[in-house]
PDB file of all heavy atoms in Angstrom:
ATOM      1  N   LEU A   1      -4.597-143.790  14.874  1.00  0.00           N
ATOM      2  CA  LEU A   1      -3.239-144.197  15.215  1.00  0.00           C
ATOM      3  C   LEU A   1      -3.183-144.465  16.712  1.00  0.00           C
ATOM      4  O   LEU A   1      -3.408-143.566  17.523  1.00  0.00           O
ATOM      5  CB  LEU A   1      -2.226-143.112  14.839  1.00  0.00           C
ATOM      6  CG  LEU A   1      -0.774-143.423  15.248  1.00  0.00           C
ATOM      7  CD1 LEU A   1      -0.216-144.583  14.429  1.00  0.00           C
ATOM      8  CD2 LEU A   1       0.106-142.192  15.116  1.00  0.00           C
ATOM      9  N   LEU A   2      -2.912-145.703  17.075  1.00  0.00           N
ATOM     10  CA  LEU A   2      -2.796-146.097  18.478  1.00  0.00           C
ATOM     11  C   LEU A   2      -1.315-146.234  18.842  1.00  0.00           C
ATOM     12  O   LEU A   2      -0.549-146.852  18.102  1.00  0.00           O
ATOM     13  CB  LEU A   2      -3.505-147.429  18.719  1.00  0.00           C
ATOM     14  CG  LEU A   2      -5.003-147.465  18.390  1.00  0.00           C
ATOM     15  CD1 LEU A   2      -5.525-148.900  18.497  1.00  0.00           C
ATOM     16  CD2 LEU A   2      -5.779-146.537  19.306  1.00  0.00           C
ATOM     17  N   PHE A   3      -0.929-145.654  19.970  1.00  0.00           N
ATOM     18  CA  PHE A   3       0.475-145.748  20.381  1.00  0.00           C
ATOM     19  C   PHE A   3       0.564-145.709  21.902  1.00  0.00           C
ATOM     20  O   PHE A   3      -0.363-145.265  22.596  1.00  0.00           O
ATOM     21  CB  PHE A   3       1.324-144.632  19.761  1.00  0.00           C
ATOM     22  CG  PHE A   3       0.874-143.234  20.090  1.00  0.00           C
ATOM     23  CD1 PHE A   3       1.432-142.538  21.153  1.00  0.00           C
ATOM     24  CD2 PHE A   3      -0.102-142.592  19.336  1.00  0.00           C
ATOM     25  CE1 PHE A   3       1.028-141.245  21.459  1.00  0.00           C
ATOM     26  CE2 PHE A   3      -0.509-141.304  19.613  1.00  0.00           C
ATOM     27  CZ  PHE A   3       0.054-140.622  20.685  1.00  0.00           C
ATOM     28  N   ASN A   4       1.680-146.198  22.408  1.00  0.00           N
ATOM     29  CA  ASN A   4       1.926-146.190  23.840  1.00  0.00           C
ATOM     30  C   ASN A   4       2.957-145.125  24.182  1.00  0.00           C
ATOM     31  O   ASN A   4       3.748-144.702  23.346  1.00  0.00           O
ATOM     32  CB  ASN A   4       2.376-147.571  24.333  1.00  0.00           C
ATOM     33  CG  ASN A   4       3.551-148.120  23.550  1.00  0.00           C
ATOM     34  OD1 ASN A   4       3.660-147.918  22.343  1.00  0.00           O
ATOM     35  ND2 ASN A   4       4.445-148.834  24.230  1.00  0.00           N
ATOM     36  N   ILE A   5       2.921-144.687  25.440  1.00  0.00           N
ATOM     37  CA  ILE A   5       3.875-143.694  25.931  1.00  0.00           C
ATOM     38  C   ILE A   5       5.047-144.432  26.564  1.00  0.00           C
ATOM     39  O   ILE A   5       4.864-145.319  27.408  1.00  0.00           O
ATOM     40  CB  ILE A   5       3.218-142.743  26.945  1.00  0.00           C
ATOM     41  CG1 ILE A   5       2.090-141.956  26.270  1.00  0.00           C
ATOM     42  CG2 ILE A   5       4.248-141.787  27.542  1.00  0.00           C
ATOM     43  CD1 ILE A   5       2.532-141.065  25.128  1.00  0.00           C
ATOM     44  N   LEU A   6       6.241-144.048  26.160  1.00  0.00           N
ATOM     45  CA  LEU A   6       7.440-144.763  26.595  1.00  0.00           C
ATOM     46  C   LEU A   6       8.079-144.155  27.831  1.00  0.00           C
ATOM     47  O   LEU A   6       8.626-144.874  28.674  1.00  0.00           O
ATOM     48  CB  LEU A   6       8.467-144.794  25.458  1.00  0.00           C
ATOM     49  CG  LEU A   6       7.985-145.394  24.142  1.00  0.00           C
ATOM     50  CD1 LEU A   6       9.055-145.245  23.070  1.00  0.00           C
ATOM     51  CD2 LEU A   6       7.610-146.860  24.323  1.00  0.00           C
ATOM     52  N   ASP A   7       8.024-142.836  27.943  1.00  0.00           N
ATOM     53  CA  ASP A   7       8.730-142.172  29.049  1.00  0.00           C
ATOM     54  C   ASP A   7       8.261-140.720  29.111  1.00  0.00           C
ATOM     55  O   ASP A   7       7.510-140.259  28.241  1.00  0.00           O
ATOM     56  CB  ASP A   7      10.241-142.237  28.823  1.00  0.00           C
ATOM     57  CG  ASP A   7      11.029-142.170  30.130  1.00  0.00           C
ATOM     58  OD1 ASP A   7      10.429-141.827  31.168  1.00  0.00           O
ATOM     59  OD2 ASP A   7      12.239-142.443  30.104  1.00  0.00           O
ATOM     60  N   THR A   8       8.718-140.019  30.143  1.00  0.00           N
ATOM     61  CA  THR A   8       8.372-138.601  30.282  1.00  0.00           C
ATOM     62  C   THR A   8       9.592-137.811  30.723  1.00  0.00           C
ATOM     63  O   THR A   8      10.517-138.354  31.343  1.00  0.00           O
ATOM     64  CB  THR A   8       7.263-138.383  31.333  1.00  0.00           C
ATOM     65  OG1 THR A   8       7.764-138.707  32.619  1.00  0.00           O
ATOM     66  CG2 THR A   8       6.036-139.214  31.034  1.00  0.00           C
ATOM     67  N   THR A   9       9.568-136.546  30.403  1.00  0.00           N
ATOM     68  CA  THR A   9      10.480-135.570  31.011  1.00  0.00           C
ATOM     69  C   THR A   9       9.612-134.581  31.765  1.00  0.00           C
ATOM     70  O   THR A   9       8.680-134.005  31.199  1.00  0.00           O
ATOM     71  CB  THR A   9      11.305-134.818  29.951  1.00  0.00           C
ATOM     72  OG1 THR A   9      12.216-135.727  29.336  1.00  0.00           O
ATOM     73  CG2 THR A   9      12.087-133.682  30.577  1.00  0.00           C
ATOM     74  N   ARG A  10       9.900-134.405  33.055  1.00  0.00           N
ATOM     75  CA  ARG A  10       9.093-133.510  33.888  1.00  0.00           C
ATOM     76  C   ARG A  10       9.963-132.364  34.380  1.00  0.00           C
ATOM     77  O   ARG A  10      11.093-132.582  34.813  1.00  0.00           O
ATOM     78  CB  ARG A  10       8.498-134.274  35.069  1.00  0.00           C
ATOM     79  CG  ARG A  10       7.492-135.318  34.644  1.00  0.00           C
ATOM     80  CD  ARG A  10       7.016-136.193  35.776  1.00  0.00           C
ATOM     81  NE  ARG A  10       6.453-135.417  36.864  1.00  0.00           N
ATOM     82  CZ  ARG A  10       5.586-135.916  37.752  1.00  0.00           C
ATOM     83  NH1 ARG A  10       5.182-137.179  37.640  1.00  0.00           N
ATOM     84  NH2 ARG A  10       5.122-135.188  38.737  1.00  0.00           N
ATOM     85  N   PHE A  11       9.432-131.178  34.310  1.00  0.00           N
ATOM     86  CA  PHE A  11      10.154-129.996  34.765  1.00  0.00           C
ATOM     87  C   PHE A  11       9.754-129.704  36.217  1.00  0.00           C
ATOM     88  O   PHE A  11       9.190-128.667  36.542  1.00  0.00           O
ATOM     89  CB  PHE A  11       9.869-128.817  33.839  1.00  0.00           C
ATOM     90  CG  PHE A  11      10.411-129.031  32.458  1.00  0.00           C
ATOM     91  CD1 PHE A  11       9.658-129.685  31.492  1.00  0.00           C
ATOM     92  CD2 PHE A  11      11.687-128.633  32.134  1.00  0.00           C
ATOM     93  CE1 PHE A  11      10.168-129.908  30.224  1.00  0.00           C
ATOM     94  CE2 PHE A  11      12.214-128.858  30.865  1.00  0.00           C
ATOM     95  CZ  PHE A  11      11.449-129.495  29.916  1.00  0.00           C
ATOM     96  N   ASP A  12      10.041-130.685  37.067  1.00  0.00           N
ATOM     97  CA  ASP A  12       9.753-130.573  38.487  1.00  0.00           C
ATOM     98  C   ASP A  12      11.043-130.291  39.243  1.00  0.00           C
ATOM     99  O   ASP A  12      12.158-130.511  38.744  1.00  0.00           O
ATOM    100  CB  ASP A  12       9.122-131.857  39.015  1.00  0.00           C
ATOM    101  CG  ASP A  12       7.658-131.969  38.617  1.00  0.00           C
ATOM    102  OD1 ASP A  12       7.086-130.943  38.211  1.00  0.00           O
ATOM    103  OD2 ASP A  12       7.103-133.080  38.702  1.00  0.00           O
ATOM    104  N   THR A  13      10.903-129.851  40.488  1.00  0.00           N
ATOM    105  CA  THR A  13      12.072-129.531  41.312  1.00  0.00           C
ATOM    106  C   THR A  13      12.186-130.517  42.455  1.00  0.00           C
ATOM    107  O   THR A  13      11.191-131.063  42.946  1.00  0.00           O
ATOM    108  CB  THR A  13      11.944-128.118  41.901  1.00  0.00           C
ATOM    109  OG1 THR A  13      10.746-128.045  42.669  1.00  0.00           O
ATOM    110  CG2 THR A  13      11.892-127.082  40.801  1.00  0.00           C
ATOM    111  N   HIS A  14      13.395-130.749  42.871  1.00  0.00           N
ATOM    112  CA  HIS A  14      13.626-131.496  44.098  1.00  0.00           C
ATOM    113  C   HIS A  14      13.456-130.549  45.288  1.00  0.00           C
ATOM    114  O   HIS A  14      13.439-129.324  45.128  1.00  0.00           O
ATOM    115  CB  HIS A  14      15.025-132.103  44.099  1.00  0.00           C
ATOM    116  CG  HIS A  14      15.260-133.057  42.962  1.00  0.00           C
ATOM    117  ND1 HIS A  14      14.599-134.254  42.857  1.00  0.00           N
ATOM    118  CD2 HIS A  14      16.072-132.982  41.879  1.00  0.00           C
ATOM    119  CE1 HIS A  14      14.991-134.882  41.758  1.00  0.00           C
ATOM    120  NE2 HIS A  14      15.889-134.122  41.146  1.00  0.00           N
ATOM    121  N   ALA A  15      13.326-131.096  46.463  1.00  0.00           N
ATOM    122  CA  ALA A  15      13.180-130.258  47.661  1.00  0.00           C
ATOM    123  C   ALA A  15      14.418-129.376  47.824  1.00  0.00           C
ATOM    124  O   ALA A  15      15.564-129.844  47.708  1.00  0.00           O
ATOM    125  CB  ALA A  15      12.985-131.140  48.888  1.00  0.00           C
ATOM    126  N   LEU A  16      14.175-128.101  48.071  1.00  0.00           N
ATOM    127  CA  LEU A  16      15.276-127.157  48.246  1.00  0.00           C
ATOM    128  C   LEU A  16      15.592-126.993  49.725  1.00  0.00           C
ATOM    129  O   LEU A  16      14.702-127.109  50.585  1.00  0.00           O
ATOM    130  CB  LEU A  16      14.907-125.794  47.652  1.00  0.00           C
ATOM    131  CG  LEU A  16      14.664-125.755  46.146  1.00  0.00           C
ATOM    132  CD1 LEU A  16      14.239-124.361  45.721  1.00  0.00           C
ATOM    133  CD2 LEU A  16      15.913-126.180  45.388  1.00  0.00           C
ATOM    134  N   PRO A  17      16.855-126.689  50.060  1.00  0.00           N
ATOM    135  CA  PRO A  17      17.204-126.460  51.477  1.00  0.00           C
ATOM    136  C   PRO A  17      16.550-125.171  51.983  1.00  0.00           C
ATOM    137  O   PRO A  17      16.244-124.264  51.209  1.00  0.00           O
ATOM    138  CB  PRO A  17      18.725-126.343  51.444  1.00  0.00           C
ATOM    139  CG  PRO A  17      19.044-125.888  50.054  1.00  0.00           C
ATOM    140  CD  PRO A  17      18.004-126.528  49.181  1.00  0.00           C
ATOM    141  N   GLU A  18      16.324-125.102  53.298  1.00  0.00           N
ATOM    142  CA  GLU A  18      15.748-123.888  53.870  1.00  0.00           C
ATOM    143  C   GLU A  18      16.722-122.724  53.778  1.00  0.00           C
ATOM    144  O   GLU A  18      16.325-121.571  53.628  1.00  0.00           O
ATOM    145  CB  GLU A  18      15.343-124.126  55.323  1.00  0.00           C
ATOM    146  CG  GLU A  18      14.169-125.098  55.471  1.00  0.00           C
ATOM    147  CD  GLU A  18      13.691-125.182  56.904  1.00  0.00           C
ATOM    148  OE1 GLU A  18      14.109-124.336  57.733  1.00  0.00           O
ATOM    149  OE2 GLU A  18      12.896-126.101  57.205  1.00  0.00           O
ATOM    150  N   THR A  19      18.003-123.030  53.905  1.00  0.00           N
ATOM    151  CA  THR A  19      19.050-122.010  53.738  1.00  0.00           C
ATOM    152  C   THR A  19      20.150-122.584  52.859  1.00  0.00           C
ATOM    153  O   THR A  19      20.314-123.809  52.772  1.00  0.00           O
ATOM    154  CB  THR A  19      19.654-121.590  55.093  1.00  0.00           C
ATOM    155  OG1 THR A  19      20.224-122.744  55.725  1.00  0.00           O
ATOM    156  CG2 THR A  19      18.588-120.957  55.984  1.00  0.00           C
ATOM    157  N   LEU A  20      20.902-121.714  52.206  1.00  0.00           N
ATOM    158  CA  LEU A  20      21.992-122.144  51.336  1.00  0.00           C
ATOM    159  C   LEU A  20      23.276-122.312  52.136  1.00  0.00           C
ATOM    160  O   LEU A  20      23.454-121.673  53.199  1.00  0.00           O
ATOM    161  CB  LEU A  20      22.212-121.119  50.224  1.00  0.00           C
ATOM    162  CG  LEU A  20      21.087-120.927  49.211  1.00  0.00           C
ATOM    163  CD1 LEU A  20      21.492-119.901  48.159  1.00  0.00           C
ATOM    164  CD2 LEU A  20      20.720-122.240  48.543  1.00  0.00           C
ATOM    165  N   PRO A  21      24.184-123.163  51.664  1.00  0.00           N
ATOM    166  CA  PRO A  21      25.498-123.256  52.322  1.00  0.00           C
ATOM    167  C   PRO A  21      26.176-121.889  52.367  1.00  0.00           C
ATOM    168  O   PRO A  21      25.988-121.043  51.488  1.00  0.00           O
ATOM    169  CB  PRO A  21      26.269-124.231  51.414  1.00  0.00           C
ATOM    170  CG  PRO A  21      25.202-125.007  50.711  1.00  0.00           C
ATOM    171  CD  PRO A  21      24.048-124.079  50.540  1.00  0.00           C
ATOM    172  N   GLU A  22      26.970-121.670  53.415  1.00  0.00           N
ATOM    173  CA  GLU A  22      27.605-120.357  53.602  1.00  0.00           C
ATOM    174  C   GLU A  22      28.529-119.981  52.461  1.00  0.00           C
ATOM    175  O   GLU A  22      28.710-118.802  52.159  1.00  0.00           O
ATOM    176  CB  GLU A  22      28.382-120.350  54.930  1.00  0.00           C
ATOM    177  CG  GLU A  22      27.481-120.391  56.149  1.00  0.00           C
ATOM    178  CD  GLU A  22      28.278-120.279  57.432  1.00  0.00           C
ATOM    179  OE1 GLU A  22      29.519-120.115  57.358  1.00  0.00           O
ATOM    180  OE2 GLU A  22      27.672-120.365  58.511  1.00  0.00           O
ATOM    181  N   ASP A  23      29.125-120.983  51.801  1.00  0.00           N
ATOM    182  CA  ASP A  23      30.076-120.670  50.727  1.00  0.00           C
ATOM    183  C   ASP A  23      29.407-120.528  49.365  1.00  0.00           C
ATOM    184  O   ASP A  23      30.081-120.471  48.330  1.00  0.00           O
ATOM    185  CB  ASP A  23      31.168-121.747  50.654  1.00  0.00           C
ATOM    186  CG  ASP A  23      30.581-123.136  50.373  1.00  0.00           C
ATOM    187  OD1 ASP A  23      29.335-123.298  50.471  1.00  0.00           O
ATOM    188  OD2 ASP A  23      31.365-124.054  50.054  1.00  0.00           O
ATOM    189  N   SER A  24      28.062-120.451  49.312  1.00  0.00           N
ATOM    190  CA  SER A  24      27.355-120.301  48.030  1.00  0.00           C
ATOM    191  C   SER A  24      27.721-118.968  47.396  1.00  0.00           C
ATOM    192  O   SER A  24      27.900-117.951  48.081  1.00  0.00           O
ATOM    193  CB  SER A  24      25.846-120.363  48.239  1.00  0.00           C
ATOM    194  OG  SER A  24      25.455-121.633  48.706  1.00  0.00           O
ATOM    195  N   HIS A  25      27.811-118.968  46.110  1.00  0.00           N
ATOM    196  CA  HIS A  25      28.140-117.742  45.382  1.00  0.00           C
ATOM    197  C   HIS A  25      27.049-116.700  45.616  1.00  0.00           C
ATOM    198  O   HIS A  25      25.870-117.013  45.798  1.00  0.00           O
ATOM    199  CB  HIS A  25      28.264-118.036  43.883  1.00  0.00           C
ATOM    200  CG  HIS A  25      28.911-116.934  43.109  1.00  0.00           C
ATOM    201  ND1 HIS A  25      28.241-115.795  42.733  1.00  0.00           N
ATOM    202  CD2 HIS A  25      30.192-116.799  42.648  1.00  0.00           C
ATOM    203  CE1 HIS A  25      29.057-115.013  42.060  1.00  0.00           C
ATOM    204  NE2 HIS A  25      30.257-115.604  41.992  1.00  0.00           N
ATOM    205  N   GLU A  26      27.453-115.442  45.603  1.00  0.00           N
ATOM    206  CA  GLU A  26      26.532-114.338  45.876  1.00  0.00           C
ATOM    207  C   GLU A  26      25.338-114.334  44.934  1.00  0.00           C
ATOM    208  O   GLU A  26      24.198-114.071  45.344  1.00  0.00           O
ATOM    209  CB  GLU A  26      27.287-113.008  45.755  1.00  0.00           C
ATOM    210  CG  GLU A  26      26.404-111.792  46.007  1.00  0.00           C
ATOM    211  CD  GLU A  26      27.167-110.491  45.787  1.00  0.00           C
ATOM    212  OE1 GLU A  26      28.357-110.560  45.397  1.00  0.00           O
ATOM    213  OE2 GLU A  26      26.572-109.422  45.991  1.00  0.00           O
ATOM    214  N   LEU A  27      25.569-114.639  43.650  1.00  0.00           N
ATOM    215  CA  LEU A  27      24.458-114.629  42.685  1.00  0.00           C
ATOM    216  C   LEU A  27      23.455-115.744  42.976  1.00  0.00           C
ATOM    217  O   LEU A  27      22.248-115.568  42.772  1.00  0.00           O
ATOM    218  CB  LEU A  27      24.998-114.764  41.260  1.00  0.00           C
ATOM    219  CG  LEU A  27      25.717-113.536  40.692  1.00  0.00           C
ATOM    220  CD1 LEU A  27      26.278-113.843  39.311  1.00  0.00           C
ATOM    221  CD2 LEU A  27      24.757-112.354  40.615  1.00  0.00           C
ATOM    222  N   ILE A  28      23.931-116.899  43.437  1.00  0.00           N
ATOM    223  CA  ILE A  28      23.018-117.982  43.806  1.00  0.00           C
ATOM    224  C   ILE A  28      22.189-117.564  45.011  1.00  0.00           C
ATOM    225  O   ILE A  28      20.982-117.829  45.087  1.00  0.00           O
ATOM    226  CB  ILE A  28      23.786-119.285  44.079  1.00  0.00           C
ATOM    227  CG1 ILE A  28      24.537-119.740  42.807  1.00  0.00           C
ATOM    228  CG2 ILE A  28      22.840-120.392  44.547  1.00  0.00           C
ATOM    229  CD1 ILE A  28      25.375-120.998  42.997  1.00  0.00           C
TER     230      ILE A  28
END
């Protein structure tokens, strides 16, 4: 069975800030 790949889903992260905004919730 020959088939082509149409798309992907990747569980990658975007660049995170070095520090969080001051108003971020305590749990975050």
